[in-house]
Amino acid sequence: PLMRRRPITPDLTYDMEVSLFKNASNITLWSFGGVDFRGDYNSPTLLLSALGNHTFEKQWNVKNTQGAKSVRVNVINNTPVAHPMHLHGFNMYVLHEGEGPWDGTIINRDNPQRRDVVQVRK
């Protein structure tokens, strides 16, 4: 990117697996970090948080990062297809992508690409 930024050392790291499974009705669902998202679109989690409610249902897949200034999320795609990954309101550094477990190698450590959506390959 034109504006150079070096990522800071993360305060927290999460390994989050993307998976597919069939429920009891034989419907294929996505899960992220072992949770299939079941949100209430009439009561969004960001609004609840802004209103002071910091208790979230497990199905909302909210991670309480406390006062962390930087969080590293390693996305592991265990599905047979690529899938876009996005975090509303955030830009992500793409530190590395490829098959298999991440070995800690960072591509372009001094100025990695930044995105709000990343295509996670299969």
PDB file of N, CA and C in Angstrom:
ATOM      1  N   PRO A   1       0.811  -1.199   0.000  1.00  0.00           N
ATOM      2  CA  PRO A   1       0.000   0.000   0.000  1.00  0.00           C
ATOM      3  C   PRO A   1       0.855   1.264   0.000  1.00  0.00           C
ATOM      4  N   LEU A   2       0.317   2.323  -0.533  1.00  0.00           N
ATOM      5  CA  LEU A   2       1.038   3.586  -0.647  1.00  0.00           C
ATOM      6  C   LEU A   2       1.439   4.114   0.733  1.00  0.00           C
ATOM      7  N   MET A   3       0.490   4.113   1.669  1.00  0.00           N
ATOM      8  CA  MET A   3       0.803   4.554   3.026  1.00  0.00           C
ATOM      9  C   MET A   3       1.381   3.356   3.789  1.00  0.00           C
ATOM     10  N   ARG A   4       2.660   3.419   4.068  1.00  0.00           N
ATOM     11  CA  ARG A   4       3.355   2.290   4.687  1.00  0.00           C
ATOM     12  C   ARG A   4       2.973   2.152   6.162  1.00  0.00           C
ATOM     13  N   ARG A   5       2.680   0.915   6.559  1.00  0.00           N
ATOM     14  CA  ARG A   5       2.394   0.612   7.961  1.00  0.00           C
ATOM     15  C   ARG A   5       2.958  -0.756   8.287  1.00  0.00           C
ATOM     16  N   ARG A   6       3.704  -0.804   9.350  1.00  0.00           N
ATOM     17  CA  ARG A   6       4.224  -2.085   9.827  1.00  0.00           C
ATOM     18  C   ARG A   6       3.309  -2.556  10.961  1.00  0.00           C
ATOM     19  N   PRO A   7       2.805  -3.785  10.893  1.00  0.00           N
ATOM     20  CA  PRO A   7       1.915  -4.256  11.956  1.00  0.00           C
ATOM     21  C   PRO A   7       2.638  -4.380  13.292  1.00  0.00           C
ATOM     22  N   ILE A   8       1.918  -4.067  14.356  1.00  0.00           N
ATOM     23  CA  ILE A   8       2.489  -4.202  15.695  1.00  0.00           C
ATOM     24  C   ILE A   8       2.328  -5.651  16.162  1.00  0.00           C
ATOM     25  N   THR A   9       3.060  -6.017  17.191  1.00  0.00           N
ATOM     26  CA  THR A   9       2.944  -7.356  17.759  1.00  0.00           C
ATOM     27  C   THR A   9       1.553  -7.504  18.377  1.00  0.00           C
ATOM     28  N   PRO A  10       0.842  -8.577  18.045  1.00  0.00           N
ATOM     29  CA  PRO A  10      -0.526  -8.718  18.558  1.00  0.00           C
ATOM     30  C   PRO A  10      -0.563  -9.008  20.051  1.00  0.00           C
ATOM     31  N   ASP A  11      -1.590  -8.472  20.707  1.00  0.00           N
ATOM     32  CA  ASP A  11      -1.832  -8.761  22.118  1.00  0.00           C
ATOM     33  C   ASP A  11      -2.506 -10.123  22.288  1.00  0.00           C
ATOM     34  N   LEU A  12      -3.285 -10.519  21.286  1.00  0.00           N
ATOM     35  CA  LEU A  12      -4.009 -11.792  21.307  1.00  0.00           C
ATOM     36  C   LEU A  12      -3.884 -12.465  19.947  1.00  0.00           C
ATOM     37  N   THR A  13      -3.945 -13.786  19.934  1.00  0.00           N
ATOM     38  CA  THR A  13      -3.967 -14.539  18.679  1.00  0.00           C
ATOM     39  C   THR A  13      -5.055 -15.600  18.771  1.00  0.00           C
ATOM     40  N   TYR A  14      -5.858 -15.685  17.725  1.00  0.00           N
ATOM     41  CA  TYR A  14      -6.882 -16.720  17.617  1.00  0.00           C
ATOM     42  C   TYR A  14      -6.609 -17.546  16.371  1.00  0.00           C
ATOM     43  N   ASP A  15      -6.712 -18.866  16.486  1.00  0.00           N
ATOM     44  CA  ASP A  15      -6.737 -19.758  15.334  1.00  0.00           C
ATOM     45  C   ASP A  15      -8.201 -20.110  15.114  1.00  0.00           C
ATOM     46  N   MET A  16      -8.751 -19.688  13.983  1.00  0.00           N
ATOM     47  CA  MET A  16     -10.171 -19.891  13.701  1.00  0.00           C
ATOM     48  C   MET A  16     -10.326 -20.751  12.452  1.00  0.00           C
ATOM     49  N   GLU A  17     -10.981 -21.890  12.607  1.00  0.00           N
ATOM     50  CA  GLU A  17     -11.187 -22.799  11.491  1.00  0.00           C
ATOM     51  C   GLU A  17     -12.533 -22.548  10.830  1.00  0.00           C
ATOM     52  N   VAL A  18     -12.524 -22.498   9.500  1.00  0.00           N
ATOM     53  CA  VAL A  18     -13.746 -22.427   8.707  1.00  0.00           C
ATOM     54  C   VAL A  18     -14.094 -23.858   8.330  1.00  0.00           C
ATOM     55  N   SER A  19     -15.318 -24.274   8.627  1.00  0.00           N
ATOM     56  CA  SER A  19     -15.735 -25.647   8.345  1.00  0.00           C
ATOM     57  C   SER A  19     -17.154 -25.660   7.798  1.00  0.00           C
ATOM     58  N   LEU A  20     -17.496 -26.754   7.154  1.00  0.00           N
ATOM     59  CA  LEU A  20     -18.859 -27.021   6.702  1.00  0.00           C
ATOM     60  C   LEU A  20     -19.371 -28.246   7.443  1.00  0.00           C
ATOM     61  N   PHE A  21     -20.676 -28.246   7.756  1.00  0.00           N
ATOM     62  CA  PHE A  21     -21.269 -29.439   8.361  1.00  0.00           C
ATOM     63  C   PHE A  21     -22.746 -29.469   8.021  1.00  0.00           C
ATOM     64  N   LYS A  22     -23.361 -30.613   8.192  1.00  0.00           N
ATOM     65  CA  LYS A  22     -24.803 -30.751   7.976  1.00  0.00           C
ATOM     66  C   LYS A  22     -25.488 -30.853   9.335  1.00  0.00           C
ATOM     67  N   ASN A  23     -26.571 -30.094   9.479  1.00  0.00           N
ATOM     68  CA  ASN A  23     -27.311 -30.146  10.741  1.00  0.00           C
ATOM     69  C   ASN A  23     -28.303 -31.317  10.715  1.00  0.00           C
ATOM     70  N   ALA A  24     -29.140 -31.418  11.745  1.00  0.00           N
ATOM     71  CA  ALA A  24     -30.087 -32.525  11.860  1.00  0.00           C
ATOM     72  C   ALA A  24     -31.113 -32.539  10.728  1.00  0.00           C
ATOM     73  N   SER A  25     -31.329 -31.391  10.090  1.00  0.00           N
ATOM     74  CA  SER A  25     -32.262 -31.309   8.957  1.00  0.00           C
ATOM     75  C   SER A  25     -31.566 -31.521   7.625  1.00  0.00           C
ATOM     76  N   ASN A  26     -30.301 -31.935   7.664  1.00  0.00           N
ATOM     77  CA  ASN A  26     -29.489 -32.189   6.470  1.00  0.00           C
ATOM     78  C   ASN A  26     -29.206 -30.912   5.670  1.00  0.00           C
ATOM     79  N   ILE A  27     -29.196 -29.782   6.353  1.00  0.00           N
ATOM     80  CA  ILE A  27     -28.862 -28.495   5.743  1.00  0.00           C
ATOM     81  C   ILE A  27     -27.372 -28.245   5.968  1.00  0.00           C
ATOM     82  N   THR A  28     -26.659 -27.845   4.910  1.00  0.00           N
ATOM     83  CA  THR A  28     -25.233 -27.543   5.033  1.00  0.00           C
ATOM     84  C   THR A  28     -25.056 -26.152   5.626  1.00  0.00           C
ATOM     85  N   LEU A  29     -24.266 -26.058   6.674  1.00  0.00           N
ATOM     86  CA  LEU A  29     -23.999 -24.788   7.350  1.00  0.00           C
ATOM     87  C   LEU A  29     -22.500 -24.551   7.437  1.00  0.00           C
ATOM     88  N   TRP A  30     -22.130 -23.274   7.498  1.00  0.00           N
ATOM     89  CA  TRP A  30     -20.741 -22.870   7.723  1.00  0.00           C
ATOM     90  C   TRP A  30     -20.531 -22.698   9.214  1.00  0.00           C
ATOM     91  N   SER A  31     -19.337 -22.990   9.670  1.00  0.00           N
ATOM     92  CA  SER A  31     -18.985 -22.631  11.044  1.00  0.00           C
ATOM     93  C   SER A  31     -17.632 -21.929  11.024  1.00  0.00           C
ATOM     94  N   PHE A  32     -17.438 -21.062  11.986  1.00  0.00           N
ATOM     95  CA  PHE A  32     -16.190 -20.316  12.116  1.00  0.00           C
ATOM     96  C   PHE A  32     -15.760 -20.429  13.567  1.00  0.00           C
ATOM     97  N   GLY A  33     -14.616 -21.040  13.784  1.00  0.00           N
ATOM     98  CA  GLY A  33     -14.156 -21.259  15.151  1.00  0.00           C
ATOM     99  C   GLY A  33     -15.057 -22.217  15.912  1.00  0.00           C
ATOM    100  N   GLY A  34     -15.684 -23.159  15.194  1.00  0.00           N
ATOM    101  CA  GLY A  34     -16.550 -24.147  15.828  1.00  0.00           C
ATOM    102  C   GLY A  34     -17.955 -23.659  16.117  1.00  0.00           C
ATOM    103  N   VAL A  35     -18.306 -22.464  15.655  1.00  0.00           N
ATOM    104  CA  VAL A  35     -19.624 -21.894  15.918  1.00  0.00           C
ATOM    105  C   VAL A  35     -20.289 -21.536  14.597  1.00  0.00           C
ATOM    106  N   ASP A  36     -21.533 -22.024  14.407  1.00  0.00           N
ATOM    107  CA  ASP A  36     -22.290 -21.575  13.239  1.00  0.00           C
ATOM    108  C   ASP A  36     -23.089 -20.350  13.668  1.00  0.00           C
ATOM    109  N   PHE A  37     -22.875 -19.246  12.970  1.00  0.00           N
ATOM    110  CA  PHE A  37     -23.424 -17.947  13.362  1.00  0.00           C
ATOM    111  C   PHE A  37     -24.946 -17.948  13.306  1.00  0.00           C
ATOM    112  N   ARG A  38     -25.554 -17.505  14.381  1.00  0.00           N
ATOM    113  CA  ARG A  38     -27.005 -17.344  14.472  1.00  0.00           C
ATOM    114  C   ARG A  38     -27.276 -15.983  15.086  1.00  0.00           C
ATOM    115  N   GLY A  39     -27.234 -14.952  14.266  1.00  0.00           N
ATOM    116  CA  GLY A  39     -27.414 -13.597  14.773  1.00  0.00           C
ATOM    117  C   GLY A  39     -28.856 -13.153  14.733  1.00  0.00           C
ATOM    118  N   ASP A  40     -29.161 -12.153  15.509  1.00  0.00           N
ATOM    119  CA  ASP A  40     -30.469 -11.510  15.483  1.00  0.00           C
ATOM    120  C   ASP A  40     -30.285 -10.197  14.737  1.00  0.00           C
ATOM    121  N   TYR A  41     -30.678 -10.177  13.482  1.00  0.00           N
ATOM    122  CA  TYR A  41     -30.446  -9.002  12.646  1.00  0.00           C
ATOM    123  C   TYR A  41     -31.278  -7.795  13.082  1.00  0.00           C
ATOM    124  N   ASN A  42     -32.269  -8.008  13.941  1.00  0.00           N
ATOM    125  CA  ASN A  42     -33.035  -6.891  14.491  1.00  0.00           C
ATOM    126  C   ASN A  42     -32.361  -6.296  15.726  1.00  0.00           C
ATOM    127  N   SER A  43     -31.330  -6.967  16.213  1.00  0.00           N
ATOM    128  CA  SER A  43     -30.618  -6.511  17.400  1.00  0.00           C
ATOM    129  C   SER A  43     -29.125  -6.781  17.205  1.00  0.00           C
ATOM    130  N   PRO A  44     -28.454  -5.988  16.357  1.00  0.00           N
ATOM    131  CA  PRO A  44     -27.054  -6.253  16.020  1.00  0.00           C
ATOM    132  C   PRO A  44     -26.114  -6.143  17.221  1.00  0.00           C
ATOM    133  N   THR A  45     -25.092  -6.991  17.211  1.00  0.00           N
ATOM    134  CA  THR A  45     -24.162  -7.048  18.343  1.00  0.00           C
ATOM    135  C   THR A  45     -23.423  -5.737  18.570  1.00  0.00           C
ATOM    136  N   LEU A  46     -23.064  -5.031  17.508  1.00  0.00           N
ATOM    137  CA  LEU A  46     -22.354  -3.762  17.681  1.00  0.00           C
ATOM    138  C   LEU A  46     -23.244  -2.740  18.385  1.00  0.00           C
ATOM    139  N   LEU A  47     -24.521  -2.696  18.017  1.00  0.00           N
ATOM    140  CA  LEU A  47     -25.455  -1.790  18.684  1.00  0.00           C
ATOM    141  C   LEU A  47     -25.622  -2.189  20.152  1.00  0.00           C
ATOM    142  N   LEU A  48     -25.784  -3.479  20.410  1.00  0.00           N
ATOM    143  CA  LEU A  48     -25.910  -3.935  21.801  1.00  0.00           C
ATOM    144  C   LEU A  48     -24.708  -3.503  22.633  1.00  0.00           C
ATOM    145  N   SER A  49     -23.530  -3.654  22.076  1.00  0.00           N
ATOM    146  CA  SER A  49     -22.309  -3.270  22.784  1.00  0.00           C
ATOM    147  C   SER A  49     -22.280  -1.769  23.047  1.00  0.00           C
ATOM    148  N   ALA A  50     -22.649  -0.982  22.039  1.00  0.00           N
ATOM    149  CA  ALA A  50     -22.665   0.478  22.197  1.00  0.00           C
ATOM    150  C   ALA A  50     -23.661   0.907  23.275  1.00  0.00           C
ATOM    151  N   LEU A  51     -24.713   0.099  23.464  1.00  0.00           N
ATOM    152  CA  LEU A  51     -25.721   0.405  24.479  1.00  0.00           C
ATOM    153  C   LEU A  51     -25.342  -0.136  25.860  1.00  0.00           C
ATOM    154  N   GLY A  52     -24.154  -0.752  25.960  1.00  0.00           N
ATOM    155  CA  GLY A  52     -23.668  -1.216  27.251  1.00  0.00           C
ATOM    156  C   GLY A  52     -23.893  -2.688  27.538  1.00  0.00           C
ATOM    157  N   ASN A  53     -24.498  -3.420  26.611  1.00  0.00           N
ATOM    158  CA  ASN A  53     -24.700  -4.857  26.806  1.00  0.00           C
ATOM    159  C   ASN A  53     -23.467  -5.594  26.309  1.00  0.00           C
ATOM    160  N   HIS A  54     -22.719  -6.188  27.207  1.00  0.00           N
ATOM    161  CA  HIS A  54     -21.506  -6.903  26.818  1.00  0.00           C
ATOM    162  C   HIS A  54     -21.620  -8.402  27.102  1.00  0.00           C
ATOM    163  N   THR A  55     -22.856  -8.895  27.128  1.00  0.00           N
ATOM    164  CA  THR A  55     -23.117 -10.324  27.269  1.00  0.00           C
ATOM    165  C   THR A  55     -23.659 -10.817  25.937  1.00  0.00           C
ATOM    166  N   PHE A  56     -22.956 -11.753  25.319  1.00  0.00           N
ATOM    167  CA  PHE A  56     -23.321 -12.193  23.978  1.00  0.00           C
ATOM    168  C   PHE A  56     -23.560 -13.694  23.946  1.00  0.00           C
ATOM    169  N   GLU A  57     -24.553 -14.105  23.181  1.00  0.00           N
ATOM    170  CA  GLU A  57     -24.843 -15.524  22.995  1.00  0.00           C
ATOM    171  C   GLU A  57     -23.690 -16.195  22.259  1.00  0.00           C
ATOM    172  N   LYS A  58     -23.434 -17.462  22.567  1.00  0.00           N
ATOM    173  CA  LYS A  58     -22.347 -18.200  21.918  1.00  0.00           C
ATOM    174  C   LYS A  58     -22.509 -18.190  20.393  1.00  0.00           C
ATOM    175  N   GLN A  59     -23.738 -18.322  19.903  1.00  0.00           N
ATOM    176  CA  GLN A  59     -23.995 -18.385  18.466  1.00  0.00           C
ATOM    177  C   GLN A  59     -23.665 -17.087  17.733  1.00  0.00           C
ATOM    178  N   TRP A  60     -23.440 -16.004  18.459  1.00  0.00           N
ATOM    179  CA  TRP A  60     -23.088 -14.735  17.822  1.00  0.00           C
ATOM    180  C   TRP A  60     -21.606 -14.680  17.491  1.00  0.00           C
ATOM    181  N   ASN A  61     -20.834 -15.591  18.060  1.00  0.00           N
ATOM    182  CA  ASN A  61     -19.403 -15.723  17.773  1.00  0.00           C
ATOM    183  C   ASN A  61     -18.627 -14.426  18.032  1.00  0.00           C
ATOM    184  N   VAL A  62     -18.950 -13.758  19.123  1.00  0.00           N
ATOM    185  CA  VAL A  62     -18.261 -12.527  19.519  1.00  0.00           C
ATOM    186  C   VAL A  62     -17.049 -12.902  20.366  1.00  0.00           C
ATOM    187  N   LYS A  63     -15.915 -12.312  20.069  1.00  0.00           N
ATOM    188  CA  LYS A  63     -14.701 -12.526  20.853  1.00  0.00           C
ATOM    189  C   LYS A  63     -14.438 -11.271  21.678  1.00  0.00           C
ATOM    190  N   ASN A  64     -14.347 -11.418  22.990  1.00  0.00           N
ATOM    191  CA  ASN A  64     -14.033 -10.298  23.863  1.00  0.00           C
ATOM    192  C   ASN A  64     -12.521 -10.152  23.915  1.00  0.00           C
ATOM    193  N   THR A  65     -12.016  -9.129  23.284  1.00  0.00           N
ATOM    194  CA  THR A  65     -10.570  -8.924  23.203  1.00  0.00           C
ATOM    195  C   THR A  65     -10.053  -8.002  24.308  1.00  0.00           C
ATOM    196  N   GLN A  66     -10.927  -7.701  25.281  1.00  0.00           N
ATOM    197  CA  GLN A  66     -10.562  -6.830  26.400  1.00  0.00           C
ATOM    198  C   GLN A  66      -9.981  -5.526  25.856  1.00  0.00           C
ATOM    199  N   GLY A  67      -8.782  -5.143  26.272  1.00  0.00           N
ATOM    200  CA  GLY A  67      -8.178  -3.893  25.822  1.00  0.00           C
ATOM    201  C   GLY A  67      -7.129  -4.083  24.745  1.00  0.00           C
ATOM    202  N   ALA A  68      -7.177  -5.207  24.038  1.00  0.00           N
ATOM    203  CA  ALA A  68      -6.147  -5.497  23.033  1.00  0.00           C
ATOM    204  C   ALA A  68      -6.113  -4.422  21.949  1.00  0.00           C
ATOM    205  N   LYS A  69      -4.918  -3.964  21.625  1.00  0.00           N
ATOM    206  CA  LYS A  69      -4.746  -2.987  20.548  1.00  0.00           C
ATOM    207  C   LYS A  69      -4.597  -3.677  19.201  1.00  0.00           C
ATOM    208  N   SER A  70      -4.132  -4.920  19.222  1.00  0.00           N
ATOM    209  CA  SER A  70      -3.953  -5.679  17.986  1.00  0.00           C
ATOM    210  C   SER A  70      -4.288  -7.144  18.252  1.00  0.00           C
ATOM    211  N   VAL A  71      -5.065  -7.728  17.340  1.00  0.00           N
ATOM    212  CA  VAL A  71      -5.463  -9.128  17.448  1.00  0.00           C
ATOM    213  C   VAL A  71      -5.087  -9.829  16.148  1.00  0.00           C
ATOM    214  N   ARG A  72      -4.398 -10.945  16.266  1.00  0.00           N
ATOM    215  CA  ARG A  72      -4.058 -11.742  15.082  1.00  0.00           C
ATOM    216  C   ARG A  72      -5.051 -12.891  14.990  1.00  0.00           C
ATOM    217  N   VAL A  73      -5.665 -13.040  13.810  1.00  0.00           N
ATOM    218  CA  VAL A  73      -6.593 -14.134  13.560  1.00  0.00           C
ATOM    219  C   VAL A  73      -6.023 -14.969  12.425  1.00  0.00           C
ATOM    220  N   ASN A  74      -5.661 -16.197  12.748  1.00  0.00           N
ATOM    221  CA  ASN A  74      -5.205 -17.140  11.735  1.00  0.00           C
ATOM    222  C   ASN A  74      -6.429 -17.906  11.259  1.00  0.00           C
ATOM    223  N   VAL A  75      -6.804 -17.706  10.002  1.00  0.00           N
ATOM    224  CA  VAL A  75      -7.988 -18.355   9.438  1.00  0.00           C
ATOM    225  C   VAL A  75      -7.543 -19.620   8.718  1.00  0.00           C
ATOM    226  N   ILE A  76      -8.085 -20.749   9.149  1.00  0.00           N
ATOM    227  CA  ILE A  76      -7.746 -22.042   8.559  1.00  0.00           C
ATOM    228  C   ILE A  76      -8.983 -22.555   7.835  1.00  0.00           C
ATOM    229  N   ASN A  77      -8.913 -22.637   6.510  1.00  0.00           N
ATOM    230  CA  ASN A  77     -10.063 -23.056   5.716  1.00  0.00           C
ATOM    231  C   ASN A  77     -10.029 -24.568   5.524  1.00  0.00           C
ATOM    232  N   ASN A  78     -10.930 -25.269   6.203  1.00  0.00           N
ATOM    233  CA  ASN A  78     -11.018 -26.722   6.089  1.00  0.00           C
ATOM    234  C   ASN A  78     -12.139 -27.154   5.156  1.00  0.00           C
ATOM    235  N   THR A  79     -12.534 -26.279   4.248  1.00  0.00           N
ATOM    236  CA  THR A  79     -13.617 -26.607   3.325  1.00  0.00           C
ATOM    237  C   THR A  79     -13.046 -26.843   1.930  1.00  0.00           C
ATOM    238  N   PRO A  80     -13.843 -27.439   1.041  1.00  0.00           N
ATOM    239  CA  PRO A  80     -13.356 -27.676  -0.321  1.00  0.00           C
ATOM    240  C   PRO A  80     -13.464 -26.454  -1.234  1.00  0.00           C
ATOM    241  N   VAL A  81     -13.902 -25.314  -0.703  1.00  0.00           N
ATOM    242  CA  VAL A  81     -14.094 -24.125  -1.538  1.00  0.00           C
ATOM    243  C   VAL A  81     -13.464 -22.892  -0.889  1.00  0.00           C
ATOM    244  N   ALA A  82     -13.129 -21.915  -1.730  1.00  0.00           N
ATOM    245  CA  ALA A  82     -12.650 -20.621  -1.222  1.00  0.00           C
ATOM    246  C   ALA A  82     -13.837 -19.868  -0.616  1.00  0.00           C
ATOM    247  N   HIS A  83     -13.531 -18.915   0.259  1.00  0.00           N
ATOM    248  CA  HIS A  83     -14.606 -18.171   0.915  1.00  0.00           C
ATOM    249  C   HIS A  83     -14.083 -16.795   1.321  1.00  0.00           C
ATOM    250  N   PRO A  84     -14.867 -15.725   1.097  1.00  0.00           N
ATOM    251  CA  PRO A  84     -14.414 -14.398   1.534  1.00  0.00           C
ATOM    252  C   PRO A  84     -14.515 -14.258   3.053  1.00  0.00           C
ATOM    253  N   MET A  85     -13.522 -13.620   3.622  1.00  0.00           N
ATOM    254  CA  MET A  85     -13.483 -13.355   5.064  1.00  0.00           C
ATOM    255  C   MET A  85     -13.498 -11.848   5.248  1.00  0.00           C
ATOM    256  N   HIS A  86     -14.405 -11.357   6.079  1.00  0.00           N
ATOM    257  CA  HIS A  86     -14.460  -9.913   6.301  1.00  0.00           C
ATOM    258  C   HIS A  86     -14.784  -9.620   7.757  1.00  0.00           C
ATOM    259  N   LEU A  87     -14.318  -8.482   8.205  1.00  0.00           N
ATOM    260  CA  LEU A  87     -14.646  -7.975   9.529  1.00  0.00           C
ATOM    261  C   LEU A  87     -15.196  -6.573   9.330  1.00  0.00           C
ATOM    262  N   HIS A  88     -16.440  -6.376   9.685  1.00  0.00           N
ATOM    263  CA  HIS A  88     -17.059  -5.075   9.467  1.00  0.00           C
ATOM    264  C   HIS A  88     -16.346  -3.995  10.277  1.00  0.00           C
ATOM    265  N   GLY A  89     -15.969  -2.921   9.594  1.00  0.00           N
ATOM    266  CA  GLY A  89     -15.354  -1.784  10.265  1.00  0.00           C
ATOM    267  C   GLY A  89     -13.866  -1.912  10.529  1.00  0.00           C
ATOM    268  N   PHE A  90     -13.238  -2.940   9.994  1.00  0.00           N
ATOM    269  CA  PHE A  90     -11.814  -3.157  10.236  1.00  0.00           C
ATOM    270  C   PHE A  90     -11.063  -3.335   8.928  1.00  0.00           C
ATOM    271  N   ASN A  91      -9.822  -2.927   8.915  1.00  0.00           N
ATOM    272  CA  ASN A  91      -8.902  -3.300   7.848  1.00  0.00           C
ATOM    273  C   ASN A  91      -7.962  -4.339   8.420  1.00  0.00           C
ATOM    274  N   MET A  92      -7.675  -5.357   7.626  1.00  0.00           N
ATOM    275  CA  MET A  92      -6.812  -6.446   8.085  1.00  0.00           C
ATOM    276  C   MET A  92      -5.494  -6.395   7.347  1.00  0.00           C
ATOM    277  N   TYR A  93      -4.427  -6.694   8.043  1.00  0.00           N
ATOM    278  CA  TYR A  93      -3.154  -6.962   7.390  1.00  0.00           C
ATOM    279  C   TYR A  93      -3.204  -8.401   6.899  1.00  0.00           C
ATOM    280  N   VAL A  94      -2.822  -8.628   5.659  1.00  0.00           N
ATOM    281  CA  VAL A  94      -2.695  -9.996   5.154  1.00  0.00           C
ATOM    282  C   VAL A  94      -1.223 -10.347   5.291  1.00  0.00           C
ATOM    283  N   LEU A  95      -0.897 -11.121   6.314  1.00  0.00           N
ATOM    284  CA  LEU A  95       0.496 -11.427   6.615  1.00  0.00           C
ATOM    285  C   LEU A  95       1.022 -12.585   5.790  1.00  0.00           C
ATOM    286  N   HIS A  96       0.136 -13.509   5.432  1.00  0.00           N
ATOM    287  CA  HIS A  96       0.558 -14.675   4.661  1.00  0.00           C
ATOM    288  C   HIS A  96      -0.693 -15.400   4.180  1.00  0.00           C
ATOM    289  N   GLU A  97      -0.564 -16.118   3.099  1.00  0.00           N
ATOM    290  CA  GLU A  97      -1.642 -17.005   2.676  1.00  0.00           C
ATOM    291  C   GLU A  97      -1.031 -18.194   1.962  1.00  0.00           C
ATOM    292  N   GLY A  98      -1.695 -19.304   2.057  1.00  0.00           N
ATOM    293  CA  GLY A  98      -1.195 -20.511   1.414  1.00  0.00           C
ATOM    294  C   GLY A  98      -1.777 -21.746   2.058  1.00  0.00           C
ATOM    295  N   GLU A  99      -1.383 -22.886   1.545  1.00  0.00           N
ATOM    296  CA  GLU A  99      -1.905 -24.151   2.047  1.00  0.00           C
ATOM    297  C   GLU A  99      -1.159 -24.597   3.301  1.00  0.00           C
ATOM    298  N   GLY A 100      -1.865 -25.326   4.143  1.00  0.00           N
ATOM    299  CA  GLY A 100      -1.253 -25.901   5.334  1.00  0.00           C
ATOM    300  C   GLY A 100      -1.142 -24.908   6.472  1.00  0.00           C
ATOM    301  N   PRO A 101      -0.635 -25.370   7.609  1.00  0.00           N
ATOM    302  CA  PRO A 101      -0.489 -24.493   8.772  1.00  0.00           C
ATOM    303  C   PRO A 101       0.513 -23.375   8.507  1.00  0.00           C
ATOM    304  N   TRP A 102       0.238 -22.224   9.098  1.00  0.00           N
ATOM    305  CA  TRP A 102       1.119 -21.064   8.934  1.00  0.00           C
ATOM    306  C   TRP A 102       2.387 -21.295   9.733  1.00  0.00           C
ATOM    307  N   ASP A 103       3.526 -21.061   9.104  1.00  0.00           N
ATOM    308  CA  ASP A 103       4.820 -21.276   9.769  1.00  0.00           C
ATOM    309  C   ASP A 103       5.385 -20.004  10.399  1.00  0.00           C
ATOM    310  N   GLY A 104       4.604 -18.924  10.408  1.00  0.00           N
ATOM    311  CA  GLY A 104       5.052 -17.673  11.012  1.00  0.00           C
ATOM    312  C   GLY A 104       5.730 -16.719  10.047  1.00  0.00           C
ATOM    313  N   THR A 105       5.965 -17.163   8.810  1.00  0.00           N
ATOM    314  CA  THR A 105       6.589 -16.300   7.808  1.00  0.00           C
ATOM    315  C   THR A 105       5.617 -15.196   7.413  1.00  0.00           C
ATOM    316  N   ILE A 106       6.098 -13.956   7.426  1.00  0.00           N
ATOM    317  CA  ILE A 106       5.269 -12.816   7.035  1.00  0.00           C
ATOM    318  C   ILE A 106       5.765 -12.295   5.696  1.00  0.00           C
ATOM    319  N   ILE A 107       4.842 -12.208   4.740  1.00  0.00           N
ATOM    320  CA  ILE A 107       5.168 -11.648   3.436  1.00  0.00           C
ATOM    321  C   ILE A 107       5.195 -10.128   3.588  1.00  0.00           C
ATOM    322  N   ASN A 108       6.279  -9.498   3.179  1.00  0.00           N
ATOM    323  CA  ASN A 108       6.402  -8.043   3.228  1.00  0.00           C
ATOM    324  C   ASN A 108       6.138  -7.496   4.637  1.00  0.00           C
ATOM    325  N   ARG A 109       6.967  -7.868   5.577  1.00  0.00           N
ATOM    326  CA  ARG A 109       6.813  -7.500   6.989  1.00  0.00           C
ATOM    327  C   ARG A 109       6.696  -5.986   7.213  1.00  0.00           C
ATOM    328  N   ASP A 110       7.380  -5.179   6.409  1.00  0.00           N
ATOM    329  CA  ASP A 110       7.382  -3.731   6.632  1.00  0.00           C
ATOM    330  C   ASP A 110       6.151  -3.018   6.099  1.00  0.00           C
ATOM    331  N   ASN A 111       5.424  -3.639   5.163  1.00  0.00           N
ATOM    332  CA  ASN A 111       4.247  -2.983   4.600  1.00  0.00           C
ATOM    333  C   ASN A 111       3.327  -4.026   3.956  1.00  0.00           C
ATOM    334  N   PRO A 112       2.751  -4.930   4.764  1.00  0.00           N
ATOM    335  CA  PRO A 112       1.896  -5.966   4.180  1.00  0.00           C
ATOM    336  C   PRO A 112       0.608  -5.374   3.619  1.00  0.00           C
ATOM    337  N   GLN A 113       0.005  -6.106   2.689  1.00  0.00           N
ATOM    338  CA  GLN A 113      -1.248  -5.611   2.121  1.00  0.00           C
ATOM    339  C   GLN A 113      -2.308  -5.499   3.211  1.00  0.00           C
ATOM    340  N   ARG A 114      -3.212  -4.539   3.036  1.00  0.00           N
ATOM    341  CA  ARG A 114      -4.318  -4.323   3.963  1.00  0.00           C
ATOM    342  C   ARG A 114      -5.617  -4.415   3.181  1.00  0.00           C
ATOM    343  N   ARG A 115      -6.572  -5.095   3.752  1.00  0.00           N
ATOM    344  CA  ARG A 115      -7.856  -5.309   3.092  1.00  0.00           C
ATOM    345  C   ARG A 115      -8.974  -5.291   4.130  1.00  0.00           C
ATOM    346  N   ASP A 116     -10.208  -5.034   3.653  1.00  0.00           N
ATOM    347  CA  ASP A 116     -11.361  -5.237   4.523  1.00  0.00           C
ATOM    348  C   ASP A 116     -12.034  -6.570   4.208  1.00  0.00           C
ATOM    349  N   VAL A 117     -11.696  -7.163   3.057  1.00  0.00           N
ATOM    350  CA  VAL A 117     -12.163  -8.499   2.682  1.00  0.00           C
ATOM    351  C   VAL A 117     -10.971  -9.269   2.130  1.00  0.00           C
ATOM    352  N   VAL A 118     -10.839 -10.517   2.545  1.00  0.00           N
ATOM    353  CA  VAL A 118      -9.760 -11.375   2.065  1.00  0.00           C
ATOM    354  C   VAL A 118     -10.376 -12.673   1.571  1.00  0.00           C
ATOM    355  N   GLN A 119     -10.004 -13.097   0.377  1.00  0.00           N
ATOM    356  CA  GLN A 119     -10.466 -14.381  -0.141  1.00  0.00           C
ATOM    357  C   GLN A 119      -9.601 -15.484   0.464  1.00  0.00           C
ATOM    358  N   VAL A 120     -10.209 -16.320   1.299  1.00  0.00           N
ATOM    359  CA  VAL A 120      -9.482 -17.415   1.934  1.00  0.00           C
ATOM    360  C   VAL A 120      -9.553 -18.615   0.997  1.00  0.00           C
ATOM    361  N   ARG A 121      -8.387 -19.004   0.506  1.00  0.00           N
ATOM    362  CA  ARG A 121      -8.343 -20.109  -0.456  1.00  0.00           C
ATOM    363  C   ARG A 121      -8.625 -21.439   0.220  1.00  0.00           C
ATOM    364  N   LYS A 122      -9.047 -22.391  -0.605  1.00  0.00           N
ATOM    365  CA  LYS A 122      -9.311 -23.740  -0.069  1.00  0.00           C
ATOM    366  C   LYS A 122      -8.033 -24.484   0.190  1.00  0.00           C
TER     367      LYS A 122
END
